[in-house]
C-alpha atoms as a PDB file:
ATOM      1  CA  MET A   1      20.669  11.291-100.326  1.00  0.00           C
ATOM      2  CA  PHE A   2      18.212  11.037-103.428  1.00  0.00           C
ATOM      3  CA  TYR A   3      15.632   8.586-101.131  1.00  0.00           C
ATOM      4  CA  SER A   4      15.684  11.476 -98.438  1.00  0.00           C
ATOM      5  CA  PHE A   5      14.798  13.780-100.911  1.00  0.00           C
ATOM      6  CA  LEU A   6      12.137  12.176-102.608  1.00  0.00           C
ATOM      7  CA  ARG A   7      10.788  10.987 -99.258  1.00  0.00           C
ATOM      8  CA  GLY A   8      10.892  14.390 -97.768  1.00  0.00           C
ATOM      9  CA  ILE A   9       8.991  15.416-101.004  1.00  0.00           C
ATOM     10  CA  ALA A  10       6.006  12.658-100.581  1.00  0.00           C
ATOM     11  CA  TRP A  11       6.285  13.183 -96.507  1.00  0.00           C
ATOM     12  CA  THR A  12       5.187  16.767 -97.227  1.00  0.00           C
ATOM     13  CA  PHE A  13       2.712  16.047 -99.828  1.00  0.00           C
ATOM     14  CA  PHE A  14       1.072  12.937 -97.515  1.00  0.00           C
ATOM     15  CA  SER A  15       1.099  14.968 -94.516  1.00  0.00           C
ATOM     16  CA  ILE A  16      -1.796  17.022 -95.513  1.00  0.00           C
ATOM     17  CA  PHE A  17      -3.738  14.556 -97.822  1.00  0.00           C
ATOM     18  CA  HIS A  18      -3.164  11.236 -95.860  1.00  0.00           C
ATOM     19  CA  PRO A  19      -1.835  12.142 -92.478  1.00  0.00           C
ATOM     20  CA  THR A  20      -0.362   9.237 -90.738  1.00  0.00           C
ATOM     21  CA  LYS A  21       0.591   8.076 -87.429  1.00  0.00           C
ATOM     22  CA  ILE A  22       3.068   5.532 -86.342  1.00  0.00           C
ATOM     23  CA  TYR A  23       2.856   3.962 -82.939  1.00  0.00           C
ATOM     24  CA  GLY A  24       5.548   1.620 -81.207  1.00  0.00           C
ATOM     25  CA  ARG A  25       8.700   2.582 -83.222  1.00  0.00           C
ATOM     26  CA  GLU A  26      10.924   1.776 -80.274  1.00  0.00           C
ATOM     27  CA  ASN A  27       9.725  -1.879 -81.039  1.00  0.00           C
ATOM     28  CA  LEU A  28      11.223  -2.150 -84.104  1.00  0.00           C
ATOM     29  CA  PRO A  29      14.990  -4.323 -83.870  1.00  0.00           C
ATOM     30  CA  GLN A  30      17.904  -3.183 -85.564  1.00  0.00           C
ATOM     31  CA  GLY A  31      19.111  -5.437 -88.254  1.00  0.00           C
ATOM     32  CA  LYS A  32      16.987  -7.685 -89.955  1.00  0.00           C
ATOM     33  CA  ALA A  33      13.512  -8.123 -89.563  1.00  0.00           C
ATOM     34  CA  ILE A  34      10.121  -9.576 -91.386  1.00  0.00           C
ATOM     35  CA  LEU A  35       7.529  -6.627 -90.670  1.00  0.00           C
ATOM     36  CA  SER A  36       4.213  -8.857 -90.819  1.00  0.00           C
ATOM     37  CA  VAL A  37       1.650  -6.220 -91.776  1.00  0.00           C
ATOM     38  CA  ASN A  38      -2.663  -6.667 -92.289  1.00  0.00           C
ATOM     39  CA  HIS A  39      -3.442  -5.083 -95.822  1.00  0.00           C
ATOM     40  CA  ARG A  40      -6.130  -2.362 -96.028  1.00  0.00           C
ATOM     41  CA  SER A  41      -5.250  -0.245 -99.013  1.00  0.00           C
ATOM     42  CA  ASN A  42      -2.881   0.092-102.208  1.00  0.00           C
ATOM     43  CA  TRP A  43      -1.554   2.685-100.049  1.00  0.00           C
ATOM     44  CA  ASP A  44      -0.298   1.146 -97.260  1.00  0.00           C
ATOM     45  CA  ILE A  45       3.394   0.559 -98.406  1.00  0.00           C
ATOM     46  CA  VAL A  46       3.556   4.097 -99.645  1.00  0.00           C
ATOM     47  CA  LEU A  47       2.694   5.747 -96.351  1.00  0.00           C
ATOM     48  CA  TRP A  48       5.033   3.211 -94.615  1.00  0.00           C
ATOM     49  CA  LEU A  49       8.228   4.261 -96.408  1.00  0.00           C
ATOM     50  CA  THR A  50       6.778   7.640 -96.265  1.00  0.00           C
ATOM     51  CA  ASN A  51       6.412   7.909 -92.361  1.00  0.00           C
ATOM     52  CA  VAL A  52       8.931   5.265 -90.800  1.00  0.00           C
ATOM     53  CA  GLY A  53      11.932   6.145 -93.650  1.00  0.00           C
ATOM     54  CA  GLU A  54      14.177   3.054 -93.074  1.00  0.00           C
ATOM     55  CA  ARG A  55      14.723   1.740 -96.296  1.00  0.00           C
ATOM     56  CA  ILE A  56      13.563  -2.086 -96.488  1.00  0.00           C
ATOM     57  CA  LYS A  57      12.449  -4.840 -99.209  1.00  0.00           C
ATOM     58  CA  ILE A  58       8.739  -5.349 -99.646  1.00  0.00           C
ATOM     59  CA  LEU A  59       7.440  -8.222-100.661  1.00  0.00           C
ATOM     60  CA  SER A  60       4.873  -6.982-103.831  1.00  0.00           C
ATOM     61  CA  LYS A  61       2.498  -8.805-106.128  1.00  0.00           C
ATOM     62  CA  LYS A  62       3.556  -9.075-109.555  1.00  0.00           C
ATOM     63  CA  GLU A  63       1.238  -7.056-111.056  1.00  0.00           C
ATOM     64  CA  LEU A  64       2.240  -3.856-109.551  1.00  0.00           C
ATOM     65  CA  PHE A  65       5.525  -4.263-111.678  1.00  0.00           C
ATOM     66  CA  LYS A  66       3.326  -4.857-115.150  1.00  0.00           C
ATOM     67  CA  PHE A  67       4.171  -1.051-115.913  1.00  0.00           C
ATOM     68  CA  LYS A  68       7.721  -0.711-116.856  1.00  0.00           C
ATOM     69  CA  PRO A  69       8.184   2.639-115.170  1.00  0.00           C
ATOM     70  CA  PHE A  70       6.329   2.288-112.053  1.00  0.00           C
ATOM     71  CA  GLY A  71       8.161  -1.427-112.162  1.00  0.00           C
ATOM     72  CA  ALA A  72      11.295   0.074-112.013  1.00  0.00           C
ATOM     73  CA  PHE A  73      10.862   2.577-109.222  1.00  0.00           C
ATOM     74  CA  LEU A  74       8.935  -0.191-106.970  1.00  0.00           C
ATOM     75  CA  ARG A  75      12.230  -1.973-107.623  1.00  0.00           C
ATOM     76  CA  TRP A  76      14.334   1.125-106.649  1.00  0.00           C
ATOM     77  CA  LEU A  77      11.874   1.557-103.514  1.00  0.00           C
ATOM     78  CA  GLY A  78      13.238  -2.237-102.120  1.00  0.00           C
ATOM     79  CA  GLY A  79      10.265  -4.320-103.947  1.00  0.00           C
ATOM     80  CA  ILE A  80      10.837  -8.010-104.590  1.00  0.00           C
ATOM     81  CA  GLU A  81       8.304  -9.294-107.220  1.00  0.00           C
ATOM     82  CA  ILE A  82       6.404 -12.163-106.340  1.00  0.00           C
ATOM     83  CA  ASP A  83       3.695 -14.527-108.538  1.00  0.00           C
ATOM     84  CA  ARG A  84       1.091 -15.512-105.726  1.00  0.00           C
ATOM     85  CA  SER A  85      -0.321 -17.825-108.334  1.00  0.00           C
ATOM     86  CA  VAL A  86       2.779 -20.431-107.921  1.00  0.00           C
ATOM     87  CA  SER A  87       5.376 -21.138-105.047  1.00  0.00           C
ATOM     88  CA  ASP A  88       7.213 -18.612-106.507  1.00  0.00           C
ATOM     89  CA  VAL A  89      10.771 -19.883-105.507  1.00  0.00           C
ATOM     90  CA  THR A  90      13.073 -16.891-106.779  1.00  0.00           C
ATOM     91  CA  ALA A  91      11.187 -14.443-104.418  1.00  0.00           C
ATOM     92  CA  ILE A  92      11.625 -17.119-101.743  1.00  0.00           C
ATOM     93  CA  LYS A  93      15.430 -16.911-102.688  1.00  0.00           C
ATOM     94  CA  LYS A  94      15.417 -13.301-102.630  1.00  0.00           C
ATOM     95  CA  CYS A  95      13.920 -12.196 -99.682  1.00  0.00           C
ATOM     96  CA  MET A  96      15.943 -14.753 -97.707  1.00  0.00           C
ATOM     97  CA  LYS A  97      19.574 -13.041 -99.498  1.00  0.00           C
ATOM     98  CA  ALA A  98      18.024  -9.716 -97.807  1.00  0.00           C
ATOM     99  CA  LEU A  99      17.481 -10.872 -94.595  1.00  0.00           C
ATOM    100  CA  LYS A 100      21.049 -12.507 -94.533  1.00  0.00           C
ATOM    101  CA  ASP A 101      22.384  -9.172 -95.720  1.00  0.00           C
ATOM    102  CA  GLY A 102      20.804  -7.580 -92.426  1.00  0.00           C
ATOM    103  CA  LYS A 103      17.929  -5.639 -93.926  1.00  0.00           C
ATOM    104  CA  LYS A 104      14.175  -5.797 -92.520  1.00  0.00           C
ATOM    105  CA  LEU A 105      11.480  -7.013 -95.147  1.00  0.00           C
ATOM    106  CA  LEU A 106       7.624  -5.950 -95.172  1.00  0.00           C
ATOM    107  CA  VAL A 107       5.150  -8.638 -95.937  1.00  0.00           C
ATOM    108  CA  PHE A 108       1.663  -8.643 -96.137  1.00  0.00           C
ATOM    109  CA  PRO A 109       0.764 -12.351 -95.396  1.00  0.00           C
ATOM    110  CA  GLU A 110      -2.833 -12.399 -96.410  1.00  0.00           C
ATOM    111  CA  GLY A 111      -1.168 -11.912 -99.730  1.00  0.00           C
ATOM    112  CA  THR A 112      -3.977  -9.361-100.870  1.00  0.00           C
ATOM    113  CA  ARG A 113      -5.803  -6.366 -99.201  1.00  0.00           C
ATOM    114  CA  LEU A 114      -9.082  -6.694 -97.382  1.00  0.00           C
ATOM    115  CA  LYS A 115     -11.600  -5.068 -99.708  1.00  0.00           C
ATOM    116  CA  ASN A 116     -13.741  -4.915 -96.778  1.00  0.00           C
ATOM    117  CA  GLU A 117     -13.396  -2.606 -93.776  1.00  0.00           C
ATOM    118  CA  ALA A 118     -15.477  -4.402 -91.856  1.00  0.00           C
ATOM    119  CA  ASP A 119     -12.877  -7.734 -92.085  1.00  0.00           C
ATOM    120  CA  ILE A 120     -10.643  -8.292 -89.422  1.00  0.00           C
ATOM    121  CA  LEU A 121      -7.591 -10.570 -90.998  1.00  0.00           C
ATOM    122  CA  GLY A 122      -7.770 -12.836 -93.943  1.00  0.00           C
ATOM    123  CA  GLU A 123      -6.211 -16.152 -94.588  1.00  0.00           C
ATOM    124  CA  LEU A 124      -2.910 -16.295 -93.850  1.00  0.00           C
ATOM    125  CA  LYS A 125      -0.095 -17.701 -96.601  1.00  0.00           C
ATOM    126  CA  SER A 126       2.432 -20.195 -95.600  1.00  0.00           C
ATOM    127  CA  GLY A 127       5.373 -18.362 -97.470  1.00  0.00           C
ATOM    128  CA  MET A 128       6.509 -15.370 -94.973  1.00  0.00           C
ATOM    129  CA  ALA A 129       6.588 -18.278 -91.966  1.00  0.00           C
ATOM    130  CA  LEU A 130       8.816 -20.260 -94.320  1.00  0.00           C
ATOM    131  CA  ILE A 131      11.121 -17.310 -94.861  1.00  0.00           C
ATOM    132  CA  ALA A 132      11.278 -16.783 -90.819  1.00  0.00           C
ATOM    133  CA  ILE A 133      12.193 -20.134 -90.148  1.00  0.00           C
ATOM    134  CA  LYS A 134      14.724 -20.899 -92.903  1.00  0.00           C
ATOM    135  CA  THR A 135      16.464 -17.335 -92.097  1.00  0.00           C
ATOM    136  CA  LYS A 136      15.732 -17.671 -88.214  1.00  0.00           C
ATOM    137  CA  THR A 137      14.620 -13.841 -88.193  1.00  0.00           C
ATOM    138  CA  PRO A 138      12.660 -12.018 -85.754  1.00  0.00           C
ATOM    139  CA  VAL A 139       8.639 -11.494 -86.883  1.00  0.00           C
ATOM    140  CA  VAL A 140       6.941  -7.897 -85.814  1.00  0.00           C
ATOM    141  CA  PRO A 141       3.225  -7.672 -86.052  1.00  0.00           C
ATOM    142  CA  VAL A 142       2.133  -4.520 -87.192  1.00  0.00           C
ATOM    143  CA  TRP A 143      -1.438  -3.390 -87.199  1.00  0.00           C
ATOM    144  CA  ILE A 144      -2.884  -0.840 -89.653  1.00  0.00           C
ATOM    145  CA  GLU A 145      -6.437   0.371 -88.090  1.00  0.00           C
ATOM    146  CA  ARG A 146      -8.444   1.511 -91.167  1.00  0.00           C
ATOM    147  CA  LYS A 147      -8.425   1.795 -94.719  1.00  0.00           C
ATOM    148  CA  ALA A 148      -6.615   4.953 -95.522  1.00  0.00           C
ATOM    149  CA  LYS A 149      -8.818   7.244 -96.986  1.00  0.00           C
ATOM    150  CA  ILE A 150      -8.188  11.013 -98.154  1.00  0.00           C
ATOM    151  CA  PHE A 151      -8.007  13.778 -95.205  1.00  0.00           C
ATOM    152  CA  ARG A 152      -8.691  10.842 -92.586  1.00  0.00           C
ATOM    153  CA  VAL A 153      -5.966   9.870 -90.399  1.00  0.00           C
ATOM    154  CA  SER A 154      -4.069   6.622 -90.481  1.00  0.00           C
ATOM    155  CA  ARG A 155      -2.524   4.829 -87.442  1.00  0.00           C
ATOM    156  CA  TYR A 156      -0.062   2.140 -88.020  1.00  0.00           C
ATOM    157  CA  HIS A 157       0.703   0.028 -84.618  1.00  0.00           C
ATOM    158  CA  ILE A 158       4.075  -1.642 -84.292  1.00  0.00           C
ATOM    159  CA  GLY A 159       4.323  -4.396 -82.033  1.00  0.00           C
ATOM    160  CA  THR A 160       6.532  -6.602 -80.114  1.00  0.00           C
ATOM    161  CA  ALA A 161       8.859  -8.419 -81.963  1.00  0.00           C
ATOM    162  CA  PHE A 162       8.733 -12.737 -81.479  1.00  0.00           C
ATOM    163  CA  GLU A 163      10.654 -15.428 -83.525  1.00  0.00           C
ATOM    164  CA  LEU A 164       9.177 -18.897 -84.568  1.00  0.00           C
ATOM    165  CA  ASP A 165      12.112 -20.706 -82.811  1.00  0.00           C
ATOM    166  CA  GLN A 166       9.539 -23.654 -81.857  1.00  0.00           C
ATOM    167  CA  PHE A 167       9.838 -24.595 -85.509  1.00  0.00           C
ATOM    168  CA  TYR A 168      13.256 -24.096 -86.044  1.00  0.00           C
ATOM    169  CA  ASP A 169      14.322 -27.721 -86.205  1.00  0.00           C
ATOM    170  CA  GLN A 170      11.214 -29.202 -87.278  1.00  0.00           C
ATOM    171  CA  LYS A 171      10.215 -30.618 -90.781  1.00  0.00           C
ATOM    172  CA  LEU A 172       8.802 -27.591 -92.470  1.00  0.00           C
ATOM    173  CA  ASP A 173       6.001 -29.496 -94.155  1.00  0.00           C
ATOM    174  CA  GLU A 174       2.163 -28.207 -94.913  1.00  0.00           C
ATOM    175  CA  GLU A 175       1.500 -29.056 -91.329  1.00  0.00           C
ATOM    176  CA  THR A 176       4.030 -27.382 -89.702  1.00  0.00           C
ATOM    177  CA  LEU A 177       3.763 -24.527 -91.320  1.00  0.00           C
ATOM    178  CA  GLU A 178       0.539 -24.250 -90.516  1.00  0.00           C
ATOM    179  CA  LYS A 179       1.093 -24.053 -87.391  1.00  0.00           C
ATOM    180  CA  ALA A 180       3.295 -21.588 -87.804  1.00  0.00           C
ATOM    181  CA  ASN A 181       0.712 -19.397 -89.245  1.00  0.00           C
ATOM    182  CA  GLN A 182      -1.209 -19.558 -86.132  1.00  0.00           C
ATOM    183  CA  VAL A 183       1.062 -18.326 -84.068  1.00  0.00           C
ATOM    184  CA  VAL A 184       1.615 -15.396 -86.395  1.00  0.00           C
ATOM    185  CA  ARG A 185      -1.988 -15.033 -86.423  1.00  0.00           C
ATOM    186  CA  GLU A 186      -2.474 -15.088 -83.020  1.00  0.00           C
ATOM    187  CA  LYS A 187       0.300 -12.621 -82.385  1.00  0.00           C
ATOM    188  CA  MET A 188      -1.290 -10.407 -84.961  1.00  0.00           C
ATOM    189  CA  LEU A 189      -4.770 -10.116 -83.839  1.00  0.00           C
ATOM    190  CA  ALA A 190      -3.438 -10.194 -79.923  1.00  0.00           C
ATOM    191  CA  LEU A 191      -1.609  -6.725 -81.451  1.00  0.00           C
ATOM    192  CA  ARG A 192      -5.057  -5.495 -82.483  1.00  0.00           C
ATOM    193  CA  SER A 193      -6.853  -6.392 -79.295  1.00  0.00           C
ATOM    194  CA  GLN A 194      -4.227  -4.820 -77.095  1.00  0.00           C
ATOM    195  CA  ILE A 195      -5.077  -1.551 -79.324  1.00  0.00           C
ATOM    196  CA  LEU A 196      -8.685  -1.855 -78.786  1.00  0.00           C
ATOM    197  CA  ALA A 197      -8.296  -2.502 -74.823  1.00  0.00           C
ATOM    198  CA  GLU A 198      -6.215   0.553 -74.991  1.00  0.00           C
ATOM    199  CA  LYS A 199      -8.927   2.600 -76.772  1.00  0.00           C
ATOM    200  CA  ASP A 200     -11.433   1.654 -74.294  1.00  0.00           C
ATOM    201  CA  LYS A 201      -9.455   2.657 -71.657  1.00  0.00           C
ATOM    202  CA  LYS A 202      -8.974   6.001 -73.185  1.00  0.00           C
ATOM    203  CA  LYS A 203     -12.615   6.202 -73.399  1.00  0.00           C
ATOM    204  CA  LYS A 204     -13.633   5.593 -69.797  1.00  0.00           C
ATOM    205  CA  LYS A 205     -11.121   7.955 -68.874  1.00  0.00           C
ATOM    206  CA  LYS A 206     -12.588  10.509 -70.481  1.00  0.00           C
END
């Protein structure tokens, strides 16, 4: 109840200052899933939680937890702290447990936000693919069109879920994880291409 109350207050605020549109909500599966999202700004997580509503787990860089009051609030929201400078086994185990409990996990597979708005998609880290394969969890590509700016509409597009099942019975070495990463990358970029194609089609109709 308290979460819903806070979300309602946040939605009222952000609907004015950071209006957001979510497309493809019907593509979100029931139960566990990994949301693979490109990272545009520090507002990405807040806008998602405010507009989608379902409580999920969020893999977040440890730097966000340094200020203890905010860190405690982020953990309450579902944040899982990860040290990006090392192979953080503890964070990976927490993510896997959350998925085994049937929860959804939001991950920015690039590991950091792209500061240049002209950039498309950075290099993907292997942690998300590892978690998806080990827990046999469907991956949902999510594409954010552009960096969130005040009074400018942000658009989130939720694509069709897929599984990395071709890697389930393979040894998860560096080469295998790189191939899995490539599949994730292709799915994310395919969603972007679909968005651009639909926009182009609408322009031609006008």
